PDB file of N, CA and C in Angstrom:
ATOM      1  N   MET A   1       0.858  -1.171   0.000  1.00  0.00           N
ATOM      2  CA  MET A   1       0.000   0.000   0.000  1.00  0.00           C
ATOM      3  C   MET A   1       0.903   1.232   0.000  1.00  0.00           C
ATOM      4  N   THR A   2       0.555   2.210  -0.829  1.00  0.00           N
ATOM      5  CA  THR A   2       1.358   3.433  -0.887  1.00  0.00           C
ATOM      6  C   THR A   2       1.142   4.270   0.366  1.00  0.00           C
ATOM      7  N   ALA A   3       2.025   5.227   0.574  1.00  0.00           N
ATOM      8  CA  ALA A   3       1.895   6.112   1.738  1.00  0.00           C
ATOM      9  C   ALA A   3       0.582   6.888   1.683  1.00  0.00           C
ATOM     10  N   THR A   4       0.198   7.339   0.502  1.00  0.00           N
ATOM     11  CA  THR A   4      -1.063   8.080   0.360  1.00  0.00           C
ATOM     12  C   THR A   4      -2.244   7.195   0.713  1.00  0.00           C
ATOM     13  N   GLN A   5      -2.258   5.967   0.205  1.00  0.00           N
ATOM     14  CA  GLN A   5      -3.344   5.038   0.523  1.00  0.00           C
ATOM     15  C   GLN A   5      -3.387   4.760   2.031  1.00  0.00           C
ATOM     16  N   THR A   6      -2.225   4.634   2.651  1.00  0.00           N
ATOM     17  CA  THR A   6      -2.153   4.378   4.088  1.00  0.00           C
ATOM     18  C   THR A   6      -2.732   5.540   4.881  1.00  0.00           C
ATOM     19  N   VAL A   7      -2.382   6.761   4.512  1.00  0.00           N
ATOM     20  CA  VAL A   7      -2.899   7.938   5.222  1.00  0.00           C
ATOM     21  C   VAL A   7      -4.406   8.045   5.034  1.00  0.00           C
ATOM     22  N   ILE A   8      -4.893   7.846   3.824  1.00  0.00           N
ATOM     23  CA  ILE A   8      -6.335   7.908   3.567  1.00  0.00           C
ATOM     24  C   ILE A   8      -7.067   6.852   4.384  1.00  0.00           C
ATOM     25  N   THR A   9      -6.541   5.633   4.393  1.00  0.00           N
ATOM     26  CA  THR A   9      -7.167   4.558   5.165  1.00  0.00           C
ATOM     27  C   THR A   9      -7.200   4.905   6.645  1.00  0.00           C
ATOM     28  N   ARG A  10      -6.114   5.456   7.169  1.00  0.00           N
ATOM     29  CA  ARG A  10      -6.071   5.833   8.581  1.00  0.00           C
ATOM     30  C   ARG A  10      -7.142   6.888   8.894  1.00  0.00           C
ATOM     31  N   LEU A  11      -7.291   7.876   8.004  1.00  0.00           N
ATOM     32  CA  LEU A  11      -8.310   8.903   8.208  1.00  0.00           C
ATOM     33  C   LEU A  11      -9.719   8.302   8.213  1.00  0.00           C
ATOM     34  N   ILE A  12      -9.958   7.365   7.322  1.00  0.00           N
ATOM     35  CA  ILE A  12     -11.279   6.738   7.246  1.00  0.00           C
ATOM     36  C   ILE A  12     -11.540   5.889   8.488  1.00  0.00           C
ATOM     37  N   LYS A  13     -10.558   5.139   8.928  1.00  0.00           N
ATOM     38  CA  LYS A  13     -10.727   4.334  10.144  1.00  0.00           C
ATOM     39  C   LYS A  13     -10.977   5.230  11.351  1.00  0.00           C
ATOM     40  N   ASN A  14     -10.266   6.352  11.436  1.00  0.00           N
ATOM     41  CA  ASN A  14     -10.501   7.300  12.532  1.00  0.00           C
ATOM     42  C   ASN A  14     -11.913   7.863  12.450  1.00  0.00           C
ATOM     43  N   TYR A  15     -12.364   8.178  11.235  1.00  0.00           N
ATOM     44  CA  TYR A  15     -13.721   8.692  11.029  1.00  0.00           C
ATOM     45  C   TYR A  15     -14.754   7.663  11.494  1.00  0.00           C
ATOM     46  N   LEU A  16     -14.564   6.414  11.105  1.00  0.00           N
ATOM     47  CA  LEU A  16     -15.492   5.362  11.531  1.00  0.00           C
ATOM     48  C   LEU A  16     -15.524   5.257  13.053  1.00  0.00           C
ATOM     49  N   HIS A  17     -14.372   5.273  13.673  1.00  0.00           N
ATOM     50  CA  HIS A  17     -14.287   5.149  15.129  1.00  0.00           C
ATOM     51  C   HIS A  17     -14.924   6.357  15.820  1.00  0.00           C
ATOM     52  N   ASP A  18     -14.537   7.547  15.390  1.00  0.00           N
ATOM     53  CA  ASP A  18     -15.001   8.770  16.052  1.00  0.00           C
ATOM     54  C   ASP A  18     -16.493   9.019  15.868  1.00  0.00           C
ATOM     55  N   SER A  19     -17.023   8.648  14.704  1.00  0.00           N
ATOM     56  CA  SER A  19     -18.435   8.911  14.415  1.00  0.00           C
ATOM     57  C   SER A  19     -19.354   7.770  14.832  1.00  0.00           C
ATOM     58  N   GLY A  20     -18.771   6.603  15.081  1.00  0.00           N
ATOM     59  CA  GLY A  20     -19.595   5.449  15.454  1.00  0.00           C
ATOM     60  C   GLY A  20     -20.342   4.844  14.280  1.00  0.00           C
ATOM     61  N   ILE A  21     -19.968   5.228  13.068  1.00  0.00           N
ATOM     62  CA  ILE A  21     -20.603   4.685  11.869  1.00  0.00           C
ATOM     63  C   ILE A  21     -20.015   3.307  11.579  1.00  0.00           C
ATOM     64  N   THR A  22     -20.848   2.379  11.175  1.00  0.00           N
ATOM     65  CA  THR A  22     -20.374   1.034  10.846  1.00  0.00           C
ATOM     66  C   THR A  22     -19.819   1.005   9.427  1.00  0.00           C
ATOM     67  N   GLN A  23     -19.008  -0.004   9.158  1.00  0.00           N
ATOM     68  CA  GLN A  23     -18.508  -0.197   7.793  1.00  0.00           C
ATOM     69  C   GLN A  23     -19.672  -0.384   6.827  1.00  0.00           C
ATOM     70  N   LYS A  24     -20.689  -1.091   7.258  1.00  0.00           N
ATOM     71  CA  LYS A  24     -21.840  -1.343   6.385  1.00  0.00           C
ATOM     72  C   LYS A  24     -22.527  -0.031   6.007  1.00  0.00           C
ATOM     73  N   ALA A  25     -22.708   0.870   6.984  1.00  0.00           N
ATOM     74  CA  ALA A  25     -23.354   2.153   6.710  1.00  0.00           C
ATOM     75  C   ALA A  25     -22.484   3.030   5.814  1.00  0.00           C
ATOM     76  N   LEU A  26     -21.182   3.069   6.094  1.00  0.00           N
ATOM     77  CA  LEU A  26     -20.286   3.874   5.260  1.00  0.00           C
ATOM     78  C   LEU A  26     -20.250   3.319   3.838  1.00  0.00           C
ATOM     79  N   ALA A  27     -20.186   2.012   3.719  1.00  0.00           N
ATOM     80  CA  ALA A  27     -20.178   1.394   2.391  1.00  0.00           C
ATOM     81  C   ALA A  27     -21.427   1.785   1.608  1.00  0.00           C
ATOM     82  N   ALA A  28     -22.576   1.749   2.265  1.00  0.00           N
ATOM     83  CA  ALA A  28     -23.821   2.134   1.591  1.00  0.00           C
ATOM     84  C   ALA A  28     -23.764   3.590   1.147  1.00  0.00           C
ATOM     85  N   ASP A  29     -23.239   4.473   2.010  1.00  0.00           N
ATOM     86  CA  ASP A  29     -23.104   5.886   1.653  1.00  0.00           C
ATOM     87  C   ASP A  29     -22.175   6.068   0.451  1.00  0.00           C
ATOM     88  N   LEU A  30     -21.188   5.195   0.326  1.00  0.00           N
ATOM     89  CA  LEU A  30     -20.218   5.286  -0.770  1.00  0.00           C
ATOM     90  C   LEU A  30     -20.680   4.558  -2.026  1.00  0.00           C
ATOM     91  N   GLY A  31     -21.800   3.835  -1.937  1.00  0.00           N
ATOM     92  CA  GLY A  31     -22.303   3.100  -3.097  1.00  0.00           C
ATOM     93  C   GLY A  31     -21.522   1.840  -3.394  1.00  0.00           C
ATOM     94  N   MET A  32     -21.003   1.207  -2.323  1.00  0.00           N
ATOM     95  CA  MET A  32     -20.266  -0.046  -2.495  1.00  0.00           C
ATOM     96  C   MET A  32     -20.728  -1.029  -1.429  1.00  0.00           C
ATOM     97  N   THR A  33     -20.317  -2.262  -1.542  1.00  0.00           N
ATOM     98  CA  THR A  33     -20.670  -3.247  -0.529  1.00  0.00           C
ATOM     99  C   THR A  33     -19.696  -3.171   0.640  1.00  0.00           C
ATOM    100  N   GLN A  34     -20.097  -3.717   1.768  1.00  0.00           N
ATOM    101  CA  GLN A  34     -19.209  -3.736   2.933  1.00  0.00           C
ATOM    102  C   GLN A  34     -17.949  -4.549   2.665  1.00  0.00           C
ATOM    103  N   PRO A  35     -18.039  -5.701   1.978  1.00  0.00           N
ATOM    104  CA  PRO A  35     -16.798  -6.425   1.664  1.00  0.00           C
ATOM    105  C   PRO A  35     -15.822  -5.609   0.798  1.00  0.00           C
ATOM    106  N   THR A  36     -16.342  -4.822  -0.130  1.00  0.00           N
ATOM    107  CA  THR A  36     -15.474  -3.974  -0.948  1.00  0.00           C
ATOM    108  C   THR A  36     -14.801  -2.922  -0.080  1.00  0.00           C
ATOM    109  N   LEU A  37     -15.560  -2.287   0.817  1.00  0.00           N
ATOM    110  CA  LEU A  37     -14.980  -1.309   1.736  1.00  0.00           C
ATOM    111  C   LEU A  37     -13.906  -1.962   2.600  1.00  0.00           C
ATOM    112  N   SER A  38     -14.187  -3.148   3.091  1.00  0.00           N
ATOM    113  CA  SER A  38     -13.221  -3.864   3.922  1.00  0.00           C
ATOM    114  C   SER A  38     -11.923  -4.118   3.158  1.00  0.00           C
ATOM    115  N   ARG A  39     -12.028  -4.502   1.892  1.00  0.00           N
ATOM    116  CA  ARG A  39     -10.828  -4.741   1.079  1.00  0.00           C
ATOM    117  C   ARG A  39     -10.028  -3.452   0.882  1.00  0.00           C
ATOM    118  N   LYS A  40     -10.715  -2.334   0.783  1.00  0.00           N
ATOM    119  CA  LYS A  40     -10.017  -1.053   0.661  1.00  0.00           C
ATOM    120  C   LYS A  40      -9.349  -0.680   1.988  1.00  0.00           C
ATOM    121  N   LEU A  41     -10.014  -0.957   3.089  1.00  0.00           N
ATOM    122  CA  LEU A  41      -9.460  -0.628   4.407  1.00  0.00           C
ATOM    123  C   LEU A  41      -8.271  -1.506   4.780  1.00  0.00           C
ATOM    124  N   THR A  42      -8.181  -2.690   4.185  1.00  0.00           N
ATOM    125  CA  THR A  42      -7.050  -3.575   4.477  1.00  0.00           C
ATOM    126  C   THR A  42      -5.944  -3.488   3.421  1.00  0.00           C
ATOM    127  N   GLY A  43      -6.155  -2.659   2.392  1.00  0.00           N
ATOM    128  CA  GLY A  43      -5.129  -2.462   1.376  1.00  0.00           C
ATOM    129  C   GLY A  43      -5.156  -3.453   0.238  1.00  0.00           C
ATOM    130  N   ILE A  44      -6.146  -4.333   0.217  1.00  0.00           N
ATOM    131  CA  ILE A  44      -6.263  -5.293  -0.883  1.00  0.00           C
ATOM    132  C   ILE A  44      -6.675  -4.558  -2.163  1.00  0.00           C
ATOM    133  N   ARG A  45      -7.544  -3.568  -2.010  1.00  0.00           N
ATOM    134  CA  ARG A  45      -7.969  -2.722  -3.131  1.00  0.00           C
ATOM    135  C   ARG A  45      -7.579  -1.291  -2.829  1.00  0.00           C
ATOM    136  N   MET A  46      -7.350  -0.529  -3.865  1.00  0.00           N
ATOM    137  CA  MET A  46      -6.916   0.858  -3.713  1.00  0.00           C
ATOM    138  C   MET A  46      -8.113   1.812  -3.712  1.00  0.00           C
ATOM    139  N   TRP A  47      -7.929   2.952  -3.045  1.00  0.00           N
ATOM    140  CA  TRP A  47      -8.933   4.016  -3.080  1.00  0.00           C
ATOM    141  C   TRP A  47      -8.815   4.735  -4.421  1.00  0.00           C
ATOM    142  N   SER A  48      -9.944   4.997  -5.053  1.00  0.00           N
ATOM    143  CA  SER A  48      -9.939   5.715  -6.331  1.00  0.00           C
ATOM    144  C   SER A  48     -10.244   7.192  -6.081  1.00  0.00           C
ATOM    145  N   LEU A  49     -10.051   7.999  -7.106  1.00  0.00           N
ATOM    146  CA  LEU A  49     -10.409   9.410  -6.993  1.00  0.00           C
ATOM    147  C   LEU A  49     -11.906   9.574  -6.772  1.00  0.00           C
ATOM    148  N   ASP A  50     -12.717   8.734  -7.410  1.00  0.00           N
ATOM    149  CA  ASP A  50     -14.165   8.781  -7.182  1.00  0.00           C
ATOM    150  C   ASP A  50     -14.488   8.458  -5.723  1.00  0.00           C
ATOM    151  N   ASP A  51     -13.783   7.485  -5.148  1.00  0.00           N
ATOM    152  CA  ASP A  51     -13.971   7.163  -3.725  1.00  0.00           C
ATOM    153  C   ASP A  51     -13.673   8.392  -2.867  1.00  0.00           C
ATOM    154  N   LEU A  52     -12.557   9.063  -3.173  1.00  0.00           N
ATOM    155  CA  LEU A  52     -12.173  10.239  -2.396  1.00  0.00           C
ATOM    156  C   LEU A  52     -13.218  11.338  -2.512  1.00  0.00           C
ATOM    157  N   ASP A  53     -13.730  11.555  -3.709  1.00  0.00           N
ATOM    158  CA  ASP A  53     -14.784  12.559  -3.889  1.00  0.00           C
ATOM    159  C   ASP A  53     -15.998  12.239  -3.022  1.00  0.00           C
ATOM    160  N   ARG A  54     -16.427  10.972  -3.038  1.00  0.00           N
ATOM    161  CA  ARG A  54     -17.591  10.573  -2.240  1.00  0.00           C
ATOM    162  C   ARG A  54     -17.310  10.703  -0.746  1.00  0.00           C
ATOM    163  N   LEU A  55     -16.104  10.306  -0.321  1.00  0.00           N
ATOM    164  CA  LEU A  55     -15.738  10.409   1.099  1.00  0.00           C
ATOM    165  C   LEU A  55     -15.794  11.860   1.565  1.00  0.00           C
ATOM    166  N   ILE A  56     -15.265  12.758   0.760  1.00  0.00           N
ATOM    167  CA  ILE A  56     -15.282  14.183   1.109  1.00  0.00           C
ATOM    168  C   ILE A  56     -16.717  14.687   1.168  1.00  0.00           C
ATOM    169  N   GLN A  57     -17.557  14.275   0.222  1.00  0.00           N
ATOM    170  CA  GLN A  57     -18.952  14.714   0.182  1.00  0.00           C
ATOM    171  C   GLN A  57     -19.722  14.284   1.428  1.00  0.00           C
ATOM    172  N   ILE A  58     -19.391  13.123   1.998  1.00  0.00           N
ATOM    173  CA  ILE A  58     -20.138  12.670   3.175  1.00  0.00           C
ATOM    174  C   ILE A  58     -19.497  13.128   4.486  1.00  0.00           C
ATOM    175  N   GLY A  59     -18.383  13.866   4.380  1.00  0.00           N
ATOM    176  CA  GLY A  59     -17.822  14.479   5.574  1.00  0.00           C
ATOM    177  C   GLY A  59     -16.569  13.865   6.149  1.00  0.00           C
ATOM    178  N   VAL A  60     -15.978  12.907   5.463  1.00  0.00           N
ATOM    179  CA  VAL A  60     -14.711  12.352   5.941  1.00  0.00           C
ATOM    180  C   VAL A  60     -13.637  13.415   5.699  1.00  0.00           C
ATOM    181  N   PRO A  61     -12.871  13.756   6.739  1.00  0.00           N
ATOM    182  CA  PRO A  61     -11.928  14.881   6.620  1.00  0.00           C
ATOM    183  C   PRO A  61     -10.681  14.554   5.792  1.00  0.00           C
ATOM    184  N   ILE A  62     -10.865  14.562   4.484  1.00  0.00           N
ATOM    185  CA  ILE A  62      -9.754  14.346   3.563  1.00  0.00           C
ATOM    186  C   ILE A  62      -9.575  15.645   2.789  1.00  0.00           C
ATOM    187  N   GLY A  63      -8.402  16.238   2.899  1.00  0.00           N
ATOM    188  CA  GLY A  63      -8.126  17.493   2.203  1.00  0.00           C
ATOM    189  C   GLY A  63      -6.753  17.447   1.578  1.00  0.00           C
ATOM    190  N   LEU A  64      -6.359  18.554   1.013  1.00  0.00           N
ATOM    191  CA  LEU A  64      -5.048  18.604   0.364  1.00  0.00           C
ATOM    192  C   LEU A  64      -3.922  18.328   1.338  1.00  0.00           C
ATOM    193  N   ASP A  65      -4.105  18.690   2.607  1.00  0.00           N
ATOM    194  CA  ASP A  65      -3.064  18.421   3.595  1.00  0.00           C
ATOM    195  C   ASP A  65      -2.847  16.923   3.796  1.00  0.00           C
ATOM    196  N   THR A  66      -3.844  16.110   3.464  1.00  0.00           N
ATOM    197  CA  THR A  66      -3.713  14.654   3.541  1.00  0.00           C
ATOM    198  C   THR A  66      -2.550  14.183   2.678  1.00  0.00           C
ATOM    199  N   PHE A  67      -2.426  14.748   1.505  1.00  0.00           N
ATOM    200  CA  PHE A  67      -1.398  14.306   0.580  1.00  0.00           C
ATOM    201  C   PHE A  67      -0.025  14.790   1.011  1.00  0.00           C
ATOM    202  N   GLY A  68       0.039  15.925   1.665  1.00  0.00           N
ATOM    203  CA  GLY A  68       1.297  16.371   2.254  1.00  0.00           C
ATOM    204  C   GLY A  68       1.720  15.436   3.365  1.00  0.00           C
ATOM    205  N   ALA A  69       0.755  14.984   4.171  1.00  0.00           N
ATOM    206  CA  ALA A  69       1.053  14.037   5.248  1.00  0.00           C
ATOM    207  C   ALA A  69       1.575  12.729   4.674  1.00  0.00           C
ATOM    208  N   ALA A  70       1.012  12.309   3.563  1.00  0.00           N
ATOM    209  CA  ALA A  70       1.477  11.068   2.935  1.00  0.00           C
ATOM    210  C   ALA A  70       2.914  11.220   2.466  1.00  0.00           C
ATOM    211  N   ASN A  71       3.230  12.363   1.887  1.00  0.00           N
ATOM    212  CA  ASN A  71       4.604  12.585   1.432  1.00  0.00           C
ATOM    213  C   ASN A  71       5.568  12.625   2.603  1.00  0.00           C
ATOM    214  N   ARG A  72       5.190  13.285   3.698  1.00  0.00           N
ATOM    215  CA  ARG A  72       6.057  13.324   4.877  1.00  0.00           C
ATOM    216  C   ARG A  72       6.274  11.925   5.421  1.00  0.00           C
ATOM    217  N   GLU A  73       5.222  11.110   5.446  1.00  0.00           N
ATOM    218  CA  GLU A  73       5.325   9.756   5.944  1.00  0.00           C
ATOM    219  C   GLU A  73       6.257   8.928   5.067  1.00  0.00           C
ATOM    220  N   GLU A  74       6.158   9.099   3.761  1.00  0.00           N
ATOM    221  CA  GLU A  74       6.989   8.349   2.821  1.00  0.00           C
ATOM    222  C   GLU A  74       8.476   8.682   3.020  1.00  0.00           C
ATOM    223  N   TYR A  75       8.783   9.933   3.274  1.00  0.00           N
ATOM    224  CA  TYR A  75      10.174  10.351   3.373  1.00  0.00           C
ATOM    225  C   TYR A  75      10.781  10.140   4.758  1.00  0.00           C
ATOM    226  N   THR A  76       9.960   9.752   5.737  1.00  0.00           N
ATOM    227  CA  THR A  76      10.512   9.519   7.079  1.00  0.00           C
ATOM    228  C   THR A  76      10.685   8.041   7.360  1.00  0.00           C
ATOM    229  N   LYS A  77      10.481   7.199   6.353  1.00  0.00           N
ATOM    230  CA  LYS A  77      10.659   5.750   6.542  1.00  0.00           C
ATOM    231  C   LYS A  77      12.124   5.403   6.677  1.00  0.00           C
TER     232      LYS A  77
END
């Protein structure tokens, strides 16, 4: 999994935890099945730009600073 995918996944997991939303509910909001969401959360499948657009629309805090964080994480390995 790339650093960007890792940071995005971490943000989504934090969102799920903090909001108390289930994977099943988030998957429905994203227009995907819960197993598909699970595969994205475990790195088996990658997040697409369409996924990111939908996540932002439903309130998951993904912004341009997310990608800066991914770059910082990549360079501190």
